[in-house]
Amino acid sequence: MKKTKMSIPYYTEINDFLASIPWPAGTVNRDFFCLRLKPVPGQVSVYRPPFKRSFYFFALFYNSGKIQVNFGDKIIYNPDSYLVFHSPNLIYSFAHNNALEGYIIYFKPEAFSFFKPDFQKQFPLFDPLHTNLFNFGHTTFDQLAPHFEAVFTAYEQSDKDQHLEARLKLLGLFCYLEQFANDYQKNNQAPTAQQELLRKFIQLIENHYVDKRTVQEYADMLSVTSNHLSQVVKSVSGKNALSFISGRLASEAKSLLLYTNSEISQIAYQLNFSDPANFGRFFKQHTGMTPSAFRGNQTLGN
């Protein structure tokens, strides 16, 4: 079978991305959009295979049901609430049901042309290398929600083309959240140098697992030797470094098999395997099942 190149979808326009998700929405202002997330009627499961966006995304979520949040190699089960910051051009995928509620904001830097901030310097929570996520209880959600409400109220009451007041309030919200993050981190034990290296390694995997498969490639990006990286990862986590890379790839493969109708050969090429047979060997090695058996078993289980 001839290999078909399947590139990761890349959304440069907010409306194009909105058209790809199940919540009916759109924006007249191409640079700025606020979306109140509410449960979709009925039991809706949403899965998005890996994609990229050229614009910023951040949100405050409240969980009104049972969900699972995948963040790097971590899985957070049934979080009450969480805050997430996502910079442009990062690989991202997600899976959840319709239990999430909250506030979502998409924007391009052009939305703040009157201020021209360098977001990576002015607001470092928007990290160009990885997603920032803060998981907390409902008391903290109640503390943050009024600040988001101020932005959304201004957005909903202002001119649909400009939303100037809402954009100004959003800048104020960014400043407030920087202080919130600092306080949040002070209340949590500071990571050791080894723990920080592991964190950076995991975040790099999240952004590059489709194309980079060796410990050496990640060591180069972290400016350390592969031997040092392997030793630190093993010391801190008890797992070898390669297992993190393979595990993330296997996790994405499972999601694609479970949540999409893509043919196994398409999934193999989408995940950058040389051919379906190579993908099948990898998948069985890490799950104990062939891709077709895994998909069939899940279908029977449902």
C-alpha atoms as a PDB file:
ATOM      1  CA  MET A   1       0.000   0.000   0.000  1.00  0.00           C
ATOM      2  CA  LYS A   2       1.323   3.377  -0.969  1.00  0.00           C
ATOM      3  CA  LYS A   3       2.084   5.668   1.944  1.00  0.00           C
ATOM      4  CA  THR A   4      -0.225   8.677   2.150  1.00  0.00           C
ATOM      5  CA  LYS A   5       1.282  11.685   3.865  1.00  0.00           C
ATOM      6  CA  MET A   6      -1.051  12.899   6.631  1.00  0.00           C
ATOM      7  CA  SER A   7       0.174  16.171   8.084  1.00  0.00           C
ATOM      8  CA  ILE A   8      -0.961  17.500  11.440  1.00  0.00           C
ATOM      9  CA  PRO A   9      -3.818  20.012  10.915  1.00  0.00           C
ATOM     10  CA  TYR A  10      -2.675  23.595  11.417  1.00  0.00           C
ATOM     11  CA  TYR A  11      -5.287  26.265  12.115  1.00  0.00           C
ATOM     12  CA  THR A  12      -4.318  29.850  11.363  1.00  0.00           C
ATOM     13  CA  GLU A  13      -7.809  31.299  11.773  1.00  0.00           C
ATOM     14  CA  ILE A  14      -9.907  31.099  14.927  1.00  0.00           C
ATOM     15  CA  ASN A  15     -13.089  30.522  12.919  1.00  0.00           C
ATOM     16  CA  ASP A  16     -11.562  27.598  11.045  1.00  0.00           C
ATOM     17  CA  PHE A  17     -10.742  25.935  14.334  1.00  0.00           C
ATOM     18  CA  LEU A  18     -14.182  26.686  15.785  1.00  0.00           C
ATOM     19  CA  ALA A  19     -15.767  25.029  12.756  1.00  0.00           C
ATOM     20  CA  SER A  20     -13.900  21.815  13.613  1.00  0.00           C
ATOM     21  CA  ILE A  21     -15.323  21.433  17.143  1.00  0.00           C
ATOM     22  CA  PRO A  22     -18.893  20.460  18.102  1.00  0.00           C
ATOM     23  CA  TRP A  23     -19.903  23.720  19.802  1.00  0.00           C
ATOM     24  CA  PRO A  24     -21.617  26.004  17.263  1.00  0.00           C
ATOM     25  CA  ALA A  25     -19.752  29.276  17.436  1.00  0.00           C
ATOM     26  CA  GLY A  26     -17.928  31.855  15.356  1.00  0.00           C
ATOM     27  CA  THR A  27     -16.400  35.290  15.672  1.00  0.00           C
ATOM     28  CA  VAL A  28     -16.668  38.484  13.646  1.00  0.00           C
ATOM     29  CA  ASN A  29     -13.453  39.700  15.245  1.00  0.00           C
ATOM     30  CA  ARG A  30     -10.855  37.391  13.663  1.00  0.00           C
ATOM     31  CA  ASP A  31      -8.270  38.178  16.351  1.00  0.00           C
ATOM     32  CA  PHE A  32     -10.266  37.653  19.542  1.00  0.00           C
ATOM     33  CA  PHE A  33     -13.043  35.334  20.720  1.00  0.00           C
ATOM     34  CA  CYS A  34     -14.581  34.497  24.116  1.00  0.00           C
ATOM     35  CA  LEU A  35     -16.574  31.273  24.441  1.00  0.00           C
ATOM     36  CA  ARG A  36     -18.657  30.223  27.421  1.00  0.00           C
ATOM     37  CA  LEU A  37     -18.358  26.460  27.509  1.00  0.00           C
ATOM     38  CA  LYS A  38     -21.558  24.669  28.511  1.00  0.00           C
ATOM     39  CA  PRO A  39     -22.507  20.997  28.376  1.00  0.00           C
ATOM     40  CA  VAL A  40     -23.749  19.839  24.972  1.00  0.00           C
ATOM     41  CA  PRO A  41     -27.197  18.175  25.195  1.00  0.00           C
ATOM     42  CA  GLY A  42     -26.901  14.392  25.270  1.00  0.00           C
ATOM     43  CA  GLN A  43     -23.858  12.244  25.899  1.00  0.00           C
ATOM     44  CA  VAL A  44     -21.174  13.768  23.705  1.00  0.00           C
ATOM     45  CA  SER A  45     -17.594  12.529  23.656  1.00  0.00           C
ATOM     46  CA  VAL A  46     -15.115  14.847  22.010  1.00  0.00           C
ATOM     47  CA  TYR A  47     -11.728  13.775  20.706  1.00  0.00           C
ATOM     48  CA  ARG A  48      -9.351  15.821  18.618  1.00  0.00           C
ATOM     49  CA  PRO A  49      -6.299  14.106  17.105  1.00  0.00           C
ATOM     50  CA  PRO A  50      -3.025  16.076  17.205  1.00  0.00           C
ATOM     51  CA  PHE A  51      -3.258  19.567  15.739  1.00  0.00           C
ATOM     52  CA  LYS A  52      -1.600  22.975  15.953  1.00  0.00           C
ATOM     53  CA  ARG A  53      -2.937  26.522  16.214  1.00  0.00           C
ATOM     54  CA  SER A  54      -1.228  29.757  15.256  1.00  0.00           C
ATOM     55  CA  PHE A  55      -3.060  31.652  18.007  1.00  0.00           C
ATOM     56  CA  TYR A  56      -3.217  31.618  21.806  1.00  0.00           C
ATOM     57  CA  PHE A  57      -5.707  29.683  23.915  1.00  0.00           C
ATOM     58  CA  PHE A  58      -6.397  29.814  27.614  1.00  0.00           C
ATOM     59  CA  ALA A  59      -9.304  28.748  29.764  1.00  0.00           C
ATOM     60  CA  LEU A  60     -10.759  28.268  33.222  1.00  0.00           C
ATOM     61  CA  PHE A  61     -12.733  25.029  33.515  1.00  0.00           C
ATOM     62  CA  TYR A  62     -15.152  23.620  36.046  1.00  0.00           C
ATOM     63  CA  ASN A  63     -15.891  19.897  35.932  1.00  0.00           C
ATOM     64  CA  SER A  64     -19.535  18.988  36.470  1.00  0.00           C
ATOM     65  CA  GLY A  65     -19.068  15.266  35.805  1.00  0.00           C
ATOM     66  CA  LYS A  66     -16.523  12.501  35.395  1.00  0.00           C
ATOM     67  CA  ILE A  67     -13.737  13.286  32.949  1.00  0.00           C
ATOM     68  CA  GLN A  68     -10.072  12.548  32.337  1.00  0.00           C
ATOM     69  CA  VAL A  69      -7.536  15.245  31.492  1.00  0.00           C
ATOM     70  CA  ASN A  70      -4.322  14.217  29.730  1.00  0.00           C
ATOM     71  CA  PHE A  71      -1.413  16.569  30.418  1.00  0.00           C
ATOM     72  CA  GLY A  72       1.945  15.387  29.138  1.00  0.00           C
ATOM     73  CA  ASP A  73       2.529  11.978  30.670  1.00  0.00           C
ATOM     74  CA  LYS A  74       0.174  12.796  33.548  1.00  0.00           C
ATOM     75  CA  ILE A  75      -3.478  11.828  33.738  1.00  0.00           C
ATOM     76  CA  ILE A  76      -5.688  13.864  36.055  1.00  0.00           C
ATOM     77  CA  TYR A  77      -8.917  12.082  36.939  1.00  0.00           C
ATOM     78  CA  ASN A  78     -12.085  14.049  37.679  1.00  0.00           C
ATOM     79  CA  PRO A  79     -10.476  17.404  38.488  1.00  0.00           C
ATOM     80  CA  ASP A  80     -12.805  19.870  40.132  1.00  0.00           C
ATOM     81  CA  SER A  81     -11.359  22.875  38.311  1.00  0.00           C
ATOM     82  CA  TYR A  82      -8.280  23.851  36.355  1.00  0.00           C
ATOM     83  CA  LEU A  83      -6.661  26.752  34.531  1.00  0.00           C
ATOM     84  CA  VAL A  84      -4.740  26.184  31.292  1.00  0.00           C
ATOM     85  CA  PHE A  85      -2.442  28.363  29.131  1.00  0.00           C
ATOM     86  CA  HIS A  86      -1.493  27.248  25.613  1.00  0.00           C
ATOM     87  CA  SER A  87       0.853  29.103  23.255  1.00  0.00           C
ATOM     88  CA  PRO A  88       0.781  28.982  19.438  1.00  0.00           C
ATOM     89  CA  ASN A  89       2.410  26.226  17.389  1.00  0.00           C
ATOM     90  CA  LEU A  90       2.382  23.528  20.074  1.00  0.00           C
ATOM     91  CA  ILE A  91       1.085  20.073  19.193  1.00  0.00           C
ATOM     92  CA  TYR A  92      -2.098  19.469  21.122  1.00  0.00           C
ATOM     93  CA  SER A  93      -4.825  16.834  21.369  1.00  0.00           C
ATOM     94  CA  PHE A  94      -7.657  16.321  23.813  1.00  0.00           C
ATOM     95  CA  ALA A  95     -10.425  13.938  24.778  1.00  0.00           C
ATOM     96  CA  HIS A  96     -13.326  14.608  27.155  1.00  0.00           C
ATOM     97  CA  ASN A  97     -17.068  14.263  27.465  1.00  0.00           C
ATOM     98  CA  ASN A  98     -19.573  17.081  27.856  1.00  0.00           C
ATOM     99  CA  ALA A  99     -18.980  17.557  31.584  1.00  0.00           C
ATOM    100  CA  LEU A 100     -16.762  20.640  31.300  1.00  0.00           C
ATOM    101  CA  GLU A 101     -18.069  24.155  31.858  1.00  0.00           C
ATOM    102  CA  GLY A 102     -16.220  27.431  32.029  1.00  0.00           C
ATOM    103  CA  TYR A 103     -14.505  30.172  30.076  1.00  0.00           C
ATOM    104  CA  ILE A 104     -12.407  29.821  26.918  1.00  0.00           C
ATOM    105  CA  ILE A 105     -10.534  32.657  25.211  1.00  0.00           C
ATOM    106  CA  TYR A 106      -8.765  32.498  21.835  1.00  0.00           C
ATOM    107  CA  PHE A 107      -6.693  35.436  20.651  1.00  0.00           C
ATOM    108  CA  LYS A 108      -3.959  36.528  18.294  1.00  0.00           C
ATOM    109  CA  PRO A 109      -1.235  39.029  19.276  1.00  0.00           C
ATOM    110  CA  GLU A 110      -2.871  41.417  16.782  1.00  0.00           C
ATOM    111  CA  ALA A 111      -5.753  41.769  19.259  1.00  0.00           C
ATOM    112  CA  PHE A 112      -3.370  43.870  21.361  1.00  0.00           C
ATOM    113  CA  SER A 113      -1.731  45.916  18.609  1.00  0.00           C
ATOM    114  CA  PHE A 114      -2.411  49.043  20.702  1.00  0.00           C
ATOM    115  CA  PHE A 115      -0.151  47.631  23.430  1.00  0.00           C
ATOM    116  CA  LYS A 116       2.191  45.344  21.461  1.00  0.00           C
ATOM    117  CA  PRO A 117       3.250  43.084  24.344  1.00  0.00           C
ATOM    118  CA  ASP A 118       5.810  40.343  23.917  1.00  0.00           C
ATOM    119  CA  PHE A 119       3.663  37.645  25.463  1.00  0.00           C
ATOM    120  CA  GLN A 120       6.539  35.307  26.260  1.00  0.00           C
ATOM    121  CA  LYS A 121       8.292  38.057  28.239  1.00  0.00           C
ATOM    122  CA  GLN A 122       5.335  40.044  29.521  1.00  0.00           C
ATOM    123  CA  PHE A 123       3.199  37.022  30.420  1.00  0.00           C
ATOM    124  CA  PRO A 124       5.492  33.980  30.867  1.00  0.00           C
ATOM    125  CA  LEU A 125       2.551  31.707  31.711  1.00  0.00           C
ATOM    126  CA  PHE A 126       2.242  31.484  27.923  1.00  0.00           C
ATOM    127  CA  ASP A 127       5.324  29.339  27.506  1.00  0.00           C
ATOM    128  CA  PRO A 128       6.378  28.704  23.874  1.00  0.00           C
ATOM    129  CA  LEU A 129       7.673  25.239  24.804  1.00  0.00           C
ATOM    130  CA  HIS A 130       4.790  23.720  26.719  1.00  0.00           C
ATOM    131  CA  THR A 131       1.277  24.041  28.103  1.00  0.00           C
ATOM    132  CA  ASN A 132       0.865  25.410  31.630  1.00  0.00           C
ATOM    133  CA  LEU A 133      -1.908  23.822  33.685  1.00  0.00           C
ATOM    134  CA  PHE A 134      -2.994  24.466  37.281  1.00  0.00           C
ATOM    135  CA  ASN A 135      -5.309  21.954  38.939  1.00  0.00           C
ATOM    136  CA  PHE A 136      -7.246  23.103  42.027  1.00  0.00           C
ATOM    137  CA  GLY A 137     -10.494  22.904  44.010  1.00  0.00           C
ATOM    138  CA  HIS A 138     -13.763  24.716  43.575  1.00  0.00           C
ATOM    139  CA  THR A 139     -12.919  27.391  46.146  1.00  0.00           C
ATOM    140  CA  THR A 140     -10.126  28.612  43.858  1.00  0.00           C
ATOM    141  CA  PHE A 141     -12.456  28.441  40.855  1.00  0.00           C
ATOM    142  CA  ASP A 142     -14.894  30.715  42.725  1.00  0.00           C
ATOM    143  CA  GLN A 143     -11.984  33.086  43.419  1.00  0.00           C
ATOM    144  CA  LEU A 144     -10.991  33.296  39.738  1.00  0.00           C
ATOM    145  CA  ALA A 145     -14.403  33.195  38.059  1.00  0.00           C
ATOM    146  CA  PRO A 146     -15.394  36.851  38.769  1.00  0.00           C
ATOM    147  CA  HIS A 147     -12.247  38.053  36.977  1.00  0.00           C
ATOM    148  CA  PHE A 148     -13.199  36.025  33.912  1.00  0.00           C
ATOM    149  CA  GLU A 149     -16.799  37.240  34.196  1.00  0.00           C
ATOM    150  CA  ALA A 150     -15.591  40.837  33.973  1.00  0.00           C
ATOM    151  CA  VAL A 151     -13.897  40.076  30.642  1.00  0.00           C
ATOM    152  CA  PHE A 152     -16.842  38.115  29.286  1.00  0.00           C
ATOM    153  CA  THR A 153     -19.404  40.726  30.340  1.00  0.00           C
ATOM    154  CA  ALA A 154     -17.417  43.439  28.556  1.00  0.00           C
ATOM    155  CA  TYR A 155     -17.035  41.158  25.535  1.00  0.00           C
ATOM    156  CA  GLU A 156     -20.748  40.385  25.310  1.00  0.00           C
ATOM    157  CA  GLN A 157     -21.816  44.010  25.766  1.00  0.00           C
ATOM    158  CA  SER A 158     -19.272  45.696  23.488  1.00  0.00           C
ATOM    159  CA  ASP A 159     -19.016  46.265  19.747  1.00  0.00           C
ATOM    160  CA  LYS A 160     -18.800  42.915  17.984  1.00  0.00           C
ATOM    161  CA  ASP A 161     -15.966  44.057  15.730  1.00  0.00           C
ATOM    162  CA  GLN A 162     -13.705  45.670  18.319  1.00  0.00           C
ATOM    163  CA  HIS A 163     -14.316  44.490  21.915  1.00  0.00           C
ATOM    164  CA  LEU A 164     -11.801  47.111  23.078  1.00  0.00           C
ATOM    165  CA  GLU A 165     -12.971  47.172  26.702  1.00  0.00           C
ATOM    166  CA  ALA A 166     -12.883  43.376  26.880  1.00  0.00           C
ATOM    167  CA  ARG A 167      -9.346  43.276  25.469  1.00  0.00           C
ATOM    168  CA  LEU A 168      -8.186  45.832  28.051  1.00  0.00           C
ATOM    169  CA  LYS A 169      -9.781  43.824  30.850  1.00  0.00           C
ATOM    170  CA  LEU A 170      -8.110  40.715  29.470  1.00  0.00           C
ATOM    171  CA  LEU A 171      -4.684  42.318  29.854  1.00  0.00           C
ATOM    172  CA  GLY A 172      -5.579  43.068  33.457  1.00  0.00           C
ATOM    173  CA  LEU A 173      -6.635  39.443  33.914  1.00  0.00           C
ATOM    174  CA  PHE A 174      -3.260  38.266  32.589  1.00  0.00           C
ATOM    175  CA  CYS A 175      -1.480  40.420  35.186  1.00  0.00           C
ATOM    176  CA  TYR A 176      -3.706  39.062  37.950  1.00  0.00           C
ATOM    177  CA  LEU A 177      -3.123  35.465  36.878  1.00  0.00           C
ATOM    178  CA  GLU A 178       0.654  35.948  36.885  1.00  0.00           C
ATOM    179  CA  GLN A 179       0.428  36.835  40.573  1.00  0.00           C
ATOM    180  CA  PHE A 180      -1.985  33.957  41.163  1.00  0.00           C
ATOM    181  CA  ALA A 181       0.504  31.541  39.561  1.00  0.00           C
ATOM    182  CA  ASN A 182       3.362  32.883  41.682  1.00  0.00           C
ATOM    183  CA  ASP A 183       1.333  32.390  44.860  1.00  0.00           C
ATOM    184  CA  TYR A 184       0.224  28.948  43.683  1.00  0.00           C
ATOM    185  CA  GLN A 185       3.804  27.861  43.083  1.00  0.00           C
ATOM    186  CA  LYS A 186       4.972  29.239  46.451  1.00  0.00           C
ATOM    187  CA  ASN A 187       2.409  27.020  48.142  1.00  0.00           C
ATOM    188  CA  ASN A 188       3.855  24.000  46.374  1.00  0.00           C
ATOM    189  CA  GLN A 189       7.327  22.649  47.064  1.00  0.00           C
ATOM    190  CA  ALA A 190       9.916  23.949  44.603  1.00  0.00           C
ATOM    191  CA  PRO A 191      11.185  21.209  42.290  1.00  0.00           C
ATOM    192  CA  THR A 192      14.778  20.046  42.432  1.00  0.00           C
ATOM    193  CA  ALA A 193      17.050  20.517  39.422  1.00  0.00           C
ATOM    194  CA  GLN A 194      16.512  16.857  38.517  1.00  0.00           C
ATOM    195  CA  GLN A 195      12.732  17.155  38.812  1.00  0.00           C
ATOM    196  CA  GLU A 196      12.820  20.269  36.642  1.00  0.00           C
ATOM    197  CA  LEU A 197      14.813  18.437  33.956  1.00  0.00           C
ATOM    198  CA  LEU A 198      12.259  15.623  33.987  1.00  0.00           C
ATOM    199  CA  ARG A 199       9.442  18.155  33.660  1.00  0.00           C
ATOM    200  CA  LYS A 200      11.095  19.828  30.667  1.00  0.00           C
ATOM    201  CA  PHE A 201      11.747  16.429  29.091  1.00  0.00           C
ATOM    202  CA  ILE A 202       8.093  15.446  29.439  1.00  0.00           C
ATOM    203  CA  GLN A 203       6.907  18.745  28.006  1.00  0.00           C
ATOM    204  CA  LEU A 204       9.206  18.412  25.010  1.00  0.00           C
ATOM    205  CA  ILE A 205       7.811  14.932  24.390  1.00  0.00           C
ATOM    206  CA  GLU A 206       4.307  16.382  24.417  1.00  0.00           C
ATOM    207  CA  ASN A 207       5.279  18.793  21.652  1.00  0.00           C
ATOM    208  CA  HIS A 208       7.481  16.506  19.539  1.00  0.00           C
ATOM    209  CA  TYR A 209       6.426  12.888  20.086  1.00  0.00           C
ATOM    210  CA  VAL A 210       5.094  12.553  16.537  1.00  0.00           C
ATOM    211  CA  ASP A 211       8.466  13.337  14.951  1.00  0.00           C
ATOM    212  CA  LYS A 212      11.152  12.685  17.579  1.00  0.00           C
ATOM    213  CA  ARG A 213      11.578   9.151  18.931  1.00  0.00           C
ATOM    214  CA  THR A 214      15.073   8.961  20.460  1.00  0.00           C
ATOM    215  CA  VAL A 215      16.460  10.033  23.819  1.00  0.00           C
ATOM    216  CA  GLN A 216      19.372  11.670  22.006  1.00  0.00           C
ATOM    217  CA  GLU A 217      17.071  14.084  20.156  1.00  0.00           C
ATOM    218  CA  TYR A 218      15.523  15.272  23.411  1.00  0.00           C
ATOM    219  CA  ALA A 219      18.890  15.467  25.155  1.00  0.00           C
ATOM    220  CA  ASP A 220      20.120  17.742  22.362  1.00  0.00           C
ATOM    221  CA  MET A 221      17.129  20.062  22.848  1.00  0.00           C
ATOM    222  CA  LEU A 222      17.813  20.131  26.592  1.00  0.00           C
ATOM    223  CA  SER A 223      21.564  20.727  26.094  1.00  0.00           C
ATOM    224  CA  VAL A 224      22.553  17.669  28.113  1.00  0.00           C
ATOM    225  CA  THR A 225      24.039  14.305  27.174  1.00  0.00           C
ATOM    226  CA  SER A 226      21.689  11.404  26.515  1.00  0.00           C
ATOM    227  CA  ASN A 227      23.387   9.472  29.311  1.00  0.00           C
ATOM    228  CA  HIS A 228      22.783  12.261  31.827  1.00  0.00           C
ATOM    229  CA  LEU A 229      19.153  12.627  30.752  1.00  0.00           C
ATOM    230  CA  SER A 230      18.568   8.877  31.027  1.00  0.00           C
ATOM    231  CA  GLN A 231      20.124   8.727  34.487  1.00  0.00           C
ATOM    232  CA  VAL A 232      18.111  11.675  35.802  1.00  0.00           C
ATOM    233  CA  VAL A 233      14.820  10.406  34.379  1.00  0.00           C
ATOM    234  CA  LYS A 234      15.415   6.960  35.882  1.00  0.00           C
ATOM    235  CA  SER A 235      16.455   8.404  39.240  1.00  0.00           C
ATOM    236  CA  VAL A 236      13.448  10.721  39.590  1.00  0.00           C
ATOM    237  CA  SER A 237      10.685   8.638  38.007  1.00  0.00           C
ATOM    238  CA  GLY A 238      11.874   5.050  38.247  1.00  0.00           C
ATOM    239  CA  LYS A 239      11.174   4.707  34.514  1.00  0.00           C
ATOM    240  CA  ASN A 240      13.605   4.806  31.630  1.00  0.00           C
ATOM    241  CA  ALA A 241      13.554   7.821  29.336  1.00  0.00           C
ATOM    242  CA  LEU A 242      12.536   5.914  26.219  1.00  0.00           C
ATOM    243  CA  SER A 243       9.414   4.594  27.961  1.00  0.00           C
ATOM    244  CA  PHE A 244       8.121   8.168  28.301  1.00  0.00           C
ATOM    245  CA  ILE A 245       8.521   8.741  24.567  1.00  0.00           C
ATOM    246  CA  SER A 246       6.999   5.413  23.558  1.00  0.00           C
ATOM    247  CA  GLY A 247       4.241   5.715  26.151  1.00  0.00           C
ATOM    248  CA  ARG A 248       3.063   9.074  24.827  1.00  0.00           C
ATOM    249  CA  LEU A 249       3.015   7.739  21.279  1.00  0.00           C
ATOM    250  CA  ALA A 250       1.097   4.632  22.336  1.00  0.00           C
ATOM    251  CA  SER A 251      -1.393   6.776  24.238  1.00  0.00           C
ATOM    252  CA  GLU A 252      -2.110   8.868  21.148  1.00  0.00           C
ATOM    253  CA  ALA A 253      -2.430   5.717  19.037  1.00  0.00           C
ATOM    254  CA  LYS A 254      -5.041   4.368  21.465  1.00  0.00           C
ATOM    255  CA  SER A 255      -7.016   7.609  21.278  1.00  0.00           C
ATOM    256  CA  LEU A 256      -6.980   7.598  17.475  1.00  0.00           C
ATOM    257  CA  LEU A 257      -8.150   3.974  17.394  1.00  0.00           C
ATOM    258  CA  LEU A 258     -10.807   4.570  20.019  1.00  0.00           C
ATOM    259  CA  TYR A 259     -12.241   7.933  18.998  1.00  0.00           C
ATOM    260  CA  THR A 260     -11.848   8.070  15.211  1.00  0.00           C
ATOM    261  CA  ASN A 261     -12.894   5.941  12.260  1.00  0.00           C
ATOM    262  CA  SER A 262      -9.534   6.383  10.534  1.00  0.00           C
ATOM    263  CA  GLU A 263      -8.098   3.281   8.962  1.00  0.00           C
ATOM    264  CA  ILE A 264      -5.186   1.732  10.822  1.00  0.00           C
ATOM    265  CA  SER A 265      -2.887   2.508   7.901  1.00  0.00           C
ATOM    266  CA  GLN A 266      -3.904   6.181   8.070  1.00  0.00           C
ATOM    267  CA  ILE A 267      -3.207   6.268  11.806  1.00  0.00           C
ATOM    268  CA  ALA A 268       0.195   4.705  11.227  1.00  0.00           C
ATOM    269  CA  TYR A 269       1.187   7.413   8.763  1.00  0.00           C
ATOM    270  CA  GLN A 270      -0.377  10.176  10.839  1.00  0.00           C
ATOM    271  CA  LEU A 271       1.872   9.128  13.723  1.00  0.00           C
ATOM    272  CA  ASN A 272       4.858   9.116  11.370  1.00  0.00           C
ATOM    273  CA  PHE A 273       5.494   5.377  11.197  1.00  0.00           C
ATOM    274  CA  SER A 274       7.193   4.138   8.029  1.00  0.00           C
ATOM    275  CA  ASP A 275       4.420   1.639   7.300  1.00  0.00           C
ATOM    276  CA  PRO A 276       1.396  -0.014   9.001  1.00  0.00           C
ATOM    277  CA  ALA A 277       3.344  -3.177   9.829  1.00  0.00           C
ATOM    278  CA  ASN A 278       5.918  -1.187  11.800  1.00  0.00           C
ATOM    279  CA  PHE A 279       3.093   0.586  13.636  1.00  0.00           C
ATOM    280  CA  GLY A 280       1.427  -2.746  14.383  1.00  0.00           C
ATOM    281  CA  ARG A 281       4.609  -4.168  15.909  1.00  0.00           C
ATOM    282  CA  PHE A 282       5.097  -1.046  18.027  1.00  0.00           C
ATOM    283  CA  PHE A 283       1.486  -1.058  19.234  1.00  0.00           C
ATOM    284  CA  LYS A 284       1.498  -4.749  20.188  1.00  0.00           C
ATOM    285  CA  GLN A 285       4.809  -4.373  21.997  1.00  0.00           C
ATOM    286  CA  HIS A 286       3.397  -1.584  24.180  1.00  0.00           C
ATOM    287  CA  THR A 287      -0.200  -2.754  24.663  1.00  0.00           C
ATOM    288  CA  GLY A 288      -0.087  -6.501  24.183  1.00  0.00           C
ATOM    289  CA  MET A 289      -2.697  -6.258  21.417  1.00  0.00           C
ATOM    290  CA  THR A 290      -2.744  -5.536  17.710  1.00  0.00           C
ATOM    291  CA  PRO A 291      -4.356  -2.225  16.685  1.00  0.00           C
ATOM    292  CA  SER A 292      -7.336  -4.025  15.136  1.00  0.00           C
ATOM    293  CA  ALA A 293      -7.813  -6.212  18.218  1.00  0.00           C
ATOM    294  CA  PHE A 294      -7.651  -3.148  20.501  1.00  0.00           C
ATOM    295  CA  ARG A 295     -10.254  -1.298  18.422  1.00  0.00           C
ATOM    296  CA  GLY A 296     -12.515  -4.364  18.253  1.00  0.00           C
ATOM    297  CA  ASN A 297     -12.225  -5.010  21.955  1.00  0.00           C
ATOM    298  CA  GLN A 298     -13.157  -1.429  22.808  1.00  0.00           C
ATOM    299  CA  THR A 299     -16.127  -1.535  20.440  1.00  0.00           C
ATOM    300  CA  LEU A 300     -17.390  -4.756  22.029  1.00  0.00           C
ATOM    301  CA  GLY A 301     -16.857  -3.246  25.463  1.00  0.00           C
ATOM    302  CA  ASN A 302     -19.122  -0.340  24.582  1.00  0.00           C
END
